[in-house]
Protein backbone atom coordinates (compact mmCIF):
# COMPACT_ATOMS: atom_id res chain seq x y z
CA MET A 1 60.40 -19.63 164.85
CA ALA A 2 61.68 -20.14 161.46
CA PHE A 3 63.75 -22.94 160.91
CA LEU A 4 66.35 -21.54 158.32
CA ALA A 5 68.75 -18.62 159.22
CA ASP A 6 67.45 -14.96 158.27
CA ALA A 7 70.91 -14.71 156.67
CA LEU A 8 69.83 -16.80 153.82
CA SER A 9 67.24 -14.39 152.86
CA ARG A 10 69.88 -11.82 151.95
CA VAL A 11 71.75 -14.35 149.51
CA LYS A 12 71.20 -15.41 146.00
CA PRO A 13 72.49 -18.50 144.39
CA SER A 14 75.48 -18.38 141.98
CA ALA A 15 74.34 -17.53 138.37
CA THR A 16 77.73 -18.89 137.04
CA ILE A 17 76.89 -22.26 138.78
CA ALA A 18 73.35 -22.22 137.60
CA VAL A 19 74.16 -21.57 134.20
CA THR A 20 76.67 -24.26 134.05
CA GLN A 21 74.30 -26.66 135.47
CA LYS A 22 71.49 -25.86 133.05
CA ALA A 23 73.99 -26.38 130.32
CA ARG A 24 74.65 -29.81 131.57
CA GLU A 25 71.27 -30.82 132.10
CA LEU A 26 70.23 -29.69 128.52
CA LYS A 27 73.22 -31.85 127.36
CA ASN A 28 72.20 -34.74 129.13
CA ALA A 29 68.72 -34.44 127.74
CA GLY A 30 70.20 -34.80 124.14
CA ARG A 31 70.30 -30.96 123.18
CA ASP A 32 73.35 -29.51 121.53
CA VAL A 33 74.33 -27.15 123.86
CA ILE A 34 77.90 -25.03 123.91
CA GLY A 35 78.36 -24.09 127.51
CA LEU A 36 80.40 -20.68 128.08
CA GLY A 37 79.61 -20.20 131.47
CA ALA A 38 82.16 -22.20 133.35
CA GLY A 39 85.30 -20.08 134.65
CA GLU A 40 87.74 -22.80 134.46
CA PRO A 41 90.73 -23.57 132.15
CA ASP A 42 90.04 -26.45 129.83
CA PHE A 43 93.83 -27.53 129.90
CA ASP A 44 95.01 -30.38 132.06
CA THR A 45 96.99 -30.10 135.28
CA PRO A 46 100.66 -30.30 134.24
CA ASP A 47 102.28 -33.83 134.75
CA ASN A 48 104.79 -32.67 137.28
CA ILE A 49 102.13 -31.17 139.45
CA LYS A 50 100.06 -34.39 139.32
CA ASN A 51 103.22 -36.53 140.02
CA ALA A 52 104.15 -34.47 143.14
CA ALA A 53 100.59 -35.11 144.58
CA ILE A 54 101.08 -39.05 143.84
CA ASP A 55 104.48 -38.89 145.66
CA ALA A 56 102.85 -37.23 148.50
CA ILE A 57 100.42 -40.15 148.81
CA ARG A 58 103.13 -42.96 148.40
CA ARG A 59 105.03 -41.03 151.19
CA GLY A 60 101.94 -41.12 153.61
CA GLU A 61 101.21 -37.43 153.48
CA THR A 62 97.57 -38.21 154.17
CA LYS A 63 97.28 -36.99 157.82
CA TYR A 64 95.68 -33.72 159.21
CA PRO A 65 97.56 -30.69 157.91
CA PRO A 66 98.18 -27.59 160.10
CA VAL A 67 95.19 -25.37 159.74
CA SER A 68 97.10 -22.31 157.86
CA GLY A 69 98.88 -24.69 155.38
CA ILE A 70 101.86 -27.04 155.43
CA ALA A 71 105.31 -25.59 156.05
CA PRO A 72 106.53 -26.03 152.76
CA LEU A 73 103.73 -24.43 151.01
CA ARG A 74 103.55 -21.33 153.20
CA GLU A 75 107.35 -21.00 152.37
CA ALA A 76 106.62 -21.62 148.67
CA ILE A 77 103.92 -18.95 148.83
CA ALA A 78 106.02 -16.28 150.44
CA LYS A 79 108.84 -16.98 147.91
CA LYS A 80 106.19 -16.32 145.21
CA PHE A 81 105.30 -13.24 146.30
CA LYS A 82 108.89 -11.95 146.57
CA ARG A 83 109.70 -13.43 143.29
CA GLU A 84 106.89 -12.31 141.36
CA ASN A 85 105.36 -9.20 143.23
CA ASN A 86 108.19 -7.83 145.03
CA LEU A 87 106.42 -8.23 148.29
CA ASP A 88 108.07 -9.30 151.60
CA TYR A 89 105.93 -11.62 153.49
CA LYS A 90 107.10 -14.33 156.16
CA PRO A 91 105.49 -17.68 156.06
CA GLU A 92 103.53 -16.97 159.19
CA GLN A 93 101.94 -14.09 157.40
CA THR A 94 100.36 -16.44 155.00
CA ILE A 95 97.58 -18.75 154.97
CA VAL A 96 96.23 -21.72 152.71
CA GLY A 97 92.28 -22.39 152.26
CA THR A 98 90.24 -24.77 150.21
CA GLY A 99 90.17 -22.47 147.16
CA GLY A 100 89.97 -18.63 146.82
CA LYS A 101 86.35 -18.50 148.10
CA GLN A 102 87.33 -19.81 151.59
CA ILE A 103 90.10 -17.11 151.91
CA LEU A 104 87.60 -14.31 151.12
CA PHE A 105 84.94 -15.72 153.14
CA ASN A 106 87.31 -16.10 156.15
CA ALA A 107 88.47 -12.78 155.90
CA PHE A 108 85.24 -11.16 155.63
CA MET A 109 84.02 -13.46 158.62
CA ALA A 110 86.92 -12.29 160.57
CA THR A 111 86.51 -8.50 160.12
CA LEU A 112 82.99 -7.71 159.33
CA ASN A 113 80.40 -6.34 162.02
CA PRO A 114 76.75 -5.42 161.31
CA GLY A 115 76.86 -1.86 159.49
CA ASP A 116 80.27 -2.08 158.07
CA GLU A 117 80.50 -1.50 154.49
CA VAL A 118 82.54 -3.27 151.63
CA VAL A 119 83.30 -1.23 148.42
CA ILE A 120 82.80 -3.52 145.34
CA PRO A 121 83.33 -2.19 141.70
CA THR A 122 80.71 -3.32 139.33
CA PRO A 123 80.62 -5.49 137.45
CA TYR A 124 81.80 -8.03 140.07
CA TRP A 125 82.29 -11.80 140.79
CA VAL A 126 79.16 -12.87 141.80
CA SER A 127 80.09 -14.37 145.11
CA TYR A 128 81.66 -10.95 146.38
CA PRO A 129 78.30 -9.39 147.62
CA GLU A 130 76.97 -12.66 148.95
CA MET A 131 79.89 -13.44 151.15
CA VAL A 132 79.59 -9.90 152.45
CA ALA A 133 75.85 -10.47 153.05
CA ILE A 134 76.24 -13.81 154.86
CA CYS A 135 79.10 -12.23 157.14
CA GLY A 136 76.54 -9.27 158.13
CA GLY A 137 78.39 -6.65 155.94
CA THR A 138 76.86 -4.14 153.54
CA SER A 139 77.97 -4.13 150.01
CA VAL A 140 78.51 -0.60 148.39
CA PHE A 141 78.56 -0.86 144.60
CA ALA A 142 81.26 1.63 142.73
CA PRO A 143 80.30 2.12 139.20
CA THR A 144 82.41 1.41 136.19
CA SER A 145 81.16 1.34 132.60
CA ILE A 146 82.21 -0.02 129.06
CA ASP A 147 83.48 3.50 128.31
CA ASN A 148 86.08 3.54 130.89
CA GLY A 149 86.98 -0.06 130.27
CA PHE A 150 85.10 -1.52 133.55
CA LYS A 151 87.77 0.10 135.73
CA LEU A 152 87.09 1.76 138.85
CA SER A 153 88.14 5.30 138.99
CA ALA A 154 89.56 7.37 141.70
CA GLN A 155 86.65 9.75 141.68
CA ALA A 156 84.04 6.66 141.79
CA LEU A 157 86.31 5.24 144.51
CA GLU A 158 86.34 8.33 146.75
CA LYS A 159 82.71 8.70 146.45
CA ALA A 160 82.03 5.26 147.54
CA ILE A 161 84.01 5.43 150.64
CA SER A 162 82.28 6.36 153.88
CA PRO A 163 83.13 6.31 157.63
CA LYS A 164 81.67 2.88 157.66
CA THR A 165 83.96 1.29 154.97
CA LYS A 166 85.98 -1.39 156.16
CA TRP A 167 87.10 -3.13 152.83
CA LEU A 168 87.60 -2.41 149.05
CA VAL A 169 87.69 -5.43 146.76
CA MET A 170 90.02 -5.33 143.99
CA ASN A 171 90.06 -8.09 141.28
CA SER A 172 92.56 -7.53 138.56
CA PRO A 173 92.45 -9.01 135.80
CA SER A 174 88.70 -9.26 136.64
CA ASN A 175 86.01 -11.85 136.64
CA PRO A 176 83.79 -11.15 134.56
CA SER A 177 85.21 -8.26 132.52
CA GLY A 178 88.74 -9.43 131.91
CA ALA A 179 89.92 -5.65 132.77
CA ALA A 180 93.21 -5.51 134.39
CA TYR A 181 94.61 -2.25 135.98
CA THR A 182 97.86 -0.60 134.95
CA GLU A 183 100.31 0.63 137.58
CA ALA A 184 99.38 3.93 136.72
CA GLU A 185 95.66 3.36 137.35
CA LEU A 186 96.47 1.44 140.73
CA ARG A 187 98.49 4.49 141.77
CA ALA A 188 95.56 6.80 141.40
CA LEU A 189 93.48 4.45 143.40
CA ALA A 190 96.21 4.27 146.08
CA ASP A 191 96.46 7.87 146.37
CA VAL A 192 92.61 7.74 147.33
CA LEU A 193 93.15 4.79 149.76
CA LEU A 194 96.19 6.71 151.53
CA LYS A 195 93.67 9.33 152.30
CA HIS A 196 91.20 6.77 154.33
CA PRO A 197 93.34 4.83 156.91
CA ASN A 198 90.17 2.94 158.04
CA VAL A 199 89.93 1.24 154.63
CA TRP A 200 91.56 -2.10 153.96
CA ILE A 201 92.20 -3.56 150.63
CA LEU A 202 91.47 -7.08 149.51
CA THR A 203 93.09 -7.78 146.29
CA ASP A 204 92.00 -11.02 144.39
CA ASP A 205 94.81 -11.57 142.12
CA MET A 206 93.75 -15.10 141.09
CA TYR A 207 94.15 -14.26 137.22
CA GLU A 208 97.49 -12.76 137.56
CA HIS A 209 99.41 -14.88 135.11
CA LEU A 210 96.75 -14.54 132.48
CA THR A 211 97.40 -11.09 130.90
CA TYR A 212 97.97 -10.32 127.17
CA GLY A 213 100.12 -8.30 124.94
CA ASP A 214 102.31 -5.96 126.70
CA PHE A 215 100.39 -5.66 129.59
CA VAL A 216 102.54 -5.93 132.99
CA PHE A 217 100.55 -7.19 135.99
CA LYS A 218 101.14 -5.31 139.21
CA THR A 219 99.36 -5.61 142.60
CA ILE A 220 98.32 -2.89 144.74
CA ALA A 221 100.74 -3.28 147.95
CA GLU A 222 103.52 -3.47 145.30
CA VAL A 223 102.70 -0.14 143.79
CA GLU A 224 102.13 1.61 147.07
CA PRO A 225 104.14 0.06 149.99
CA ASN A 226 102.10 2.33 152.43
CA LEU A 227 99.33 0.16 151.79
CA TYR A 228 101.06 -3.18 152.54
CA GLU A 229 100.11 -3.29 156.20
CA ARG A 230 96.24 -3.14 155.44
CA THR A 231 96.06 -5.17 152.37
CA LEU A 232 95.22 -8.86 152.13
CA THR A 233 96.69 -10.22 148.79
CA MET A 234 94.96 -13.29 147.72
CA ASN A 235 95.69 -15.71 145.05
CA GLY A 236 95.76 -19.29 144.17
CA VAL A 237 96.61 -22.21 141.84
CA SER A 238 93.27 -22.84 139.97
CA LYS A 239 93.64 -20.51 136.92
CA ALA A 240 97.14 -20.29 135.89
CA TYR A 241 98.05 -23.92 136.68
CA ALA A 242 94.68 -25.41 135.45
CA MET A 243 94.14 -26.55 139.09
CA THR A 244 90.53 -25.80 139.92
CA GLY A 245 89.36 -29.08 141.24
CA TRP A 246 92.34 -29.29 143.52
CA ARG A 247 90.90 -26.33 145.44
CA ILE A 248 93.80 -24.45 146.79
CA GLY A 249 93.58 -20.60 147.33
CA TYR A 250 96.27 -18.69 149.56
CA ALA A 251 96.66 -15.20 150.95
CA ALA A 252 99.21 -13.01 152.73
CA GLY A 253 98.70 -9.99 154.89
CA ASP A 254 98.90 -8.76 158.53
CA VAL A 255 99.62 -11.40 161.14
CA LYS A 256 96.71 -10.42 163.34
CA LEU A 257 94.30 -10.84 160.36
CA ILE A 258 95.91 -14.22 159.37
CA LYS A 259 95.47 -15.51 162.85
CA ALA A 260 91.86 -14.49 163.08
CA MET A 261 91.32 -16.30 159.64
CA ASP A 262 93.13 -19.28 161.12
CA MET A 263 90.91 -19.44 164.02
CA ILE A 264 87.86 -19.25 161.71
CA GLN A 265 89.15 -22.09 159.53
CA GLY A 266 90.07 -24.16 162.48
CA GLN A 267 86.36 -24.36 163.49
CA GLN A 268 85.13 -24.53 159.70
CA THR A 269 87.36 -26.90 157.76
CA SER A 270 90.76 -27.15 159.40
CA GLY A 271 93.40 -27.29 156.89
CA ALA A 272 93.08 -27.82 153.12
CA CYS A 273 93.68 -31.46 151.44
CA THR A 274 97.07 -32.32 152.22
CA ILE A 275 97.77 -34.16 148.59
CA ALA A 276 96.44 -30.77 147.06
CA GLN A 277 98.81 -28.78 149.07
CA TRP A 278 101.81 -30.98 148.30
CA ALA A 279 100.88 -30.38 144.47
CA SER A 280 100.73 -26.73 144.99
CA VAL A 281 104.18 -26.83 146.40
CA GLU A 282 105.42 -28.12 142.95
CA ALA A 283 103.13 -25.56 141.07
CA LEU A 284 104.64 -22.60 142.71
CA ASN A 285 108.48 -23.89 143.01
CA GLY A 286 108.39 -26.06 139.69
CA PRO A 287 108.64 -25.08 136.07
CA GLN A 288 106.78 -22.26 134.90
CA ASP A 289 107.23 -22.40 131.39
CA PHE A 290 103.78 -23.88 130.37
CA ILE A 291 102.10 -20.91 131.70
CA ALA A 292 103.39 -18.75 128.62
CA LYS A 293 102.11 -21.30 126.16
CA ASN A 294 98.51 -21.52 127.65
CA LYS A 295 98.47 -17.55 127.71
CA ALA A 296 99.21 -17.70 123.93
CA ILE A 297 96.33 -20.09 123.44
CA PHE A 298 94.04 -18.05 125.46
CA GLN A 299 95.12 -14.67 123.78
CA GLY A 300 94.11 -16.39 120.29
CA ARG A 301 90.85 -17.34 121.75
CA ARG A 302 90.27 -13.86 123.32
CA ASP A 303 91.01 -12.12 119.68
CA LEU A 304 88.80 -14.73 117.87
CA VAL A 305 85.64 -14.33 120.15
CA VAL A 306 86.10 -10.49 120.21
CA SER A 307 86.42 -10.15 116.38
CA MET A 308 83.32 -12.51 115.84
CA LEU A 309 81.11 -10.73 118.52
CA ASN A 310 81.85 -7.31 117.14
CA GLN A 311 80.48 -8.47 113.87
CA ALA A 312 77.12 -9.39 115.41
CA ARG A 313 74.46 -6.91 115.03
CA GLY A 314 73.70 -4.90 118.28
CA ILE A 315 76.73 -6.42 120.29
CA THR A 316 79.60 -4.44 121.30
CA CYS A 317 82.67 -6.32 122.76
CA PRO A 318 85.55 -4.68 124.26
CA SER A 319 89.11 -6.31 124.08
CA PRO A 320 90.15 -7.39 127.80
CA GLU A 321 93.68 -7.29 129.17
CA GLY A 322 93.41 -10.50 130.90
CA ALA A 323 91.58 -13.51 132.37
CA PHE A 324 89.53 -15.55 129.95
CA TYR A 325 86.36 -13.76 129.71
CA VAL A 326 84.71 -11.14 127.60
CA TYR A 327 81.97 -8.96 128.83
CA PRO A 328 79.90 -7.77 125.63
CA SER A 329 77.06 -5.31 125.62
CA CYS A 330 73.82 -6.23 124.13
CA ALA A 331 72.46 -2.81 124.66
CA GLY A 332 71.67 -2.75 120.87
CA LEU A 333 69.21 -5.60 120.97
CA ILE A 334 66.94 -4.75 123.84
CA GLY A 335 63.44 -4.01 122.82
CA LYS A 336 63.95 -6.28 119.89
CA LYS A 337 61.70 -9.22 119.29
CA THR A 338 62.53 -13.02 118.61
CA ALA A 339 60.84 -15.05 115.91
CA GLY A 340 58.39 -16.12 118.51
CA GLY A 341 57.39 -12.53 119.49
CA LYS A 342 59.38 -12.54 122.94
CA VAL A 343 60.55 -9.04 123.74
CA ILE A 344 64.21 -8.90 124.66
CA ASP A 345 63.62 -6.47 127.47
CA ASN A 346 66.84 -7.24 129.55
CA ASP A 347 70.32 -9.04 129.33
CA GLU A 348 68.75 -11.86 131.25
CA THR A 349 66.12 -12.49 128.72
CA PHE A 350 68.60 -12.17 125.79
CA CYS A 351 70.64 -15.18 127.54
CA SER A 352 67.63 -17.10 128.07
CA GLU A 353 66.41 -16.99 124.60
CA LEU A 354 69.91 -17.35 123.11
CA LEU A 355 69.93 -20.75 125.13
CA GLU A 356 66.72 -21.74 123.68
CA ALA A 357 66.96 -20.75 120.33
CA GLU A 358 70.70 -21.61 119.62
CA GLY A 359 71.88 -23.72 122.39
CA VAL A 360 74.58 -21.28 123.64
CA ALA A 361 74.95 -21.00 127.37
CA VAL A 362 76.23 -17.69 128.70
CA VAL A 363 75.80 -15.67 131.94
CA PHE A 364 73.64 -12.70 131.96
CA GLY A 365 75.32 -9.51 133.10
CA SER A 366 73.04 -8.31 135.71
CA ALA A 367 74.16 -11.11 137.80
CA PHE A 368 77.50 -9.32 138.00
CA GLY A 369 75.78 -6.04 138.82
CA LEU A 370 76.02 -4.68 135.35
CA GLY A 371 73.97 -4.84 132.31
CA PRO A 372 72.73 -5.03 129.57
CA ASN A 373 75.96 -7.38 129.17
CA PHE A 374 76.65 -10.93 129.22
CA ARG A 375 79.77 -12.82 130.21
CA ILE A 376 81.37 -15.45 127.75
CA SER A 377 84.29 -17.68 129.06
CA TYR A 378 86.59 -18.44 126.17
CA ALA A 379 88.31 -21.38 128.18
CA THR A 380 87.44 -23.86 125.43
CA SER A 381 88.57 -24.74 122.05
CA GLU A 382 88.60 -22.38 119.21
CA LYS A 383 86.27 -24.86 117.10
CA LEU A 384 83.61 -24.53 119.91
CA LEU A 385 84.11 -20.80 120.36
CA GLU A 386 83.82 -20.24 116.74
CA GLU A 387 80.68 -22.33 116.42
CA ALA A 388 79.35 -20.59 119.62
CA CYS A 389 79.82 -17.13 118.10
CA THR A 390 78.31 -18.05 114.81
CA ARG A 391 75.21 -18.89 116.59
CA ILE A 392 75.15 -15.61 118.54
CA GLN A 393 75.70 -13.81 115.43
CA ARG A 394 72.71 -15.75 113.81
CA PHE A 395 70.57 -15.13 116.96
CA ALA A 396 71.20 -11.62 117.06
CA GLY A 397 70.58 -11.10 113.14
CA SER A 398 67.12 -12.87 113.75
CA LEU A 399 65.70 -10.30 116.00
CA SER A 400 63.37 -7.80 114.69
C-alpha cells in the first residue's frame, strides 16, 4: 500500500512559485538576478488599512471568527458588489476565505465528482487545473491564441462544453496574459452559456481594478442577469489593495453553494485571520483614491515593457488590457542556439537559458498551458524593468 495519496500523481508544483524561489536562491548565492515571476504588487498596504488591523488588535479582535467571515466584512462585500458591479447579494450569500485560492478550492471540492469536467481557457493561471485534479474533476482546455488577444471565443466555448461540464472558469483580467473581456465579448459567451443550463460559471475577478486606458470592467453576471444564480463571483483584496500577505479572498453566489463551501472550510481552516478581515473591511469601505494612482504607475510600466520587448529580436508582445503581466511570444527564437551551443527548443529552455545567461527570472508559458510564450510580471520598479528588458534584448540578440 502506497503511503502518499494517488491524487498527488495528478498534480504538478506551481511553476510561478518555483521560479520565484529559484530567483531567491540565486540572489542569496550572490548572483545578480532580476525576478519577474512574482504575481504581487510592489506597493505597500495603505496606512489606513494597516491602522484598521492595529485597532482590531487593540480592541481584542483576536478570537475565532465565524467560518464564513465576520459580519462587517460580509456586509462590506455585499455593498462592494452592489456599488461596483451592480450585483445584489445578501451578506449570507458571501463567504470569506484565506485568499482567493481557498475560495476556488472550496468551490471545486463542494461540487466536483469523478468525471465532472471544468472548462478552462488557455493560457490559465497555473493553479486552476491542479485544484480541479485534486478535487477529482477533469480539466477541459479551451484554446485561445495571441491572434485573438488570448480571449475565449463563443465558438471555442461551445466546442469545449459537454454533458459532463460542471464549471467554466473565467479570469478577467487574466493571469498570465492580462487579457480582459469587454461587455460585448462577455455577451457572446453568455449567449452560449444560456443554452447550457448544466454549466456553472466561476468568475475570478481578482484583477478587476487593474485595467488600463478606456477599458471598462464588467463581470459576467452583471452582463447577463439570467446567469446570476449559477455564477460564483470571486474577488479579493490582494492585488488592488496590495494585501497579498494578508490572505483574504471572498466570493458571492447561490446560498446552497456558499453553505457547502462553509461546511468544507469549517473542517479545513475555519475562518480566515480575524485581524486581516478587519483590515479588509477598511479596504472595501475606506478611501479608494490610491487605486487610480497605482493603476497609472502600472500602465506606465506596461507600456515600457511592451515597447522594449517588441524591440527584441524574435519576440512579439501584445499590449494587455489589465492585470500586471505581459505574455510575449518567443516563437521567433525557437530553434536558435546560445553561444554555448544550447538549442532553444521550447519556451521552458528559453527561460532557463535567459536566467543562466542574463539573470532574468520569468515563467515559461507552457506552465500556463500555452507556448512558446513566457510571462513577465511588471509589478516592480521601472528601473529594474528597463534593465531586465535590456538583458532580454541582449540575450535574444545573442542567439544564432
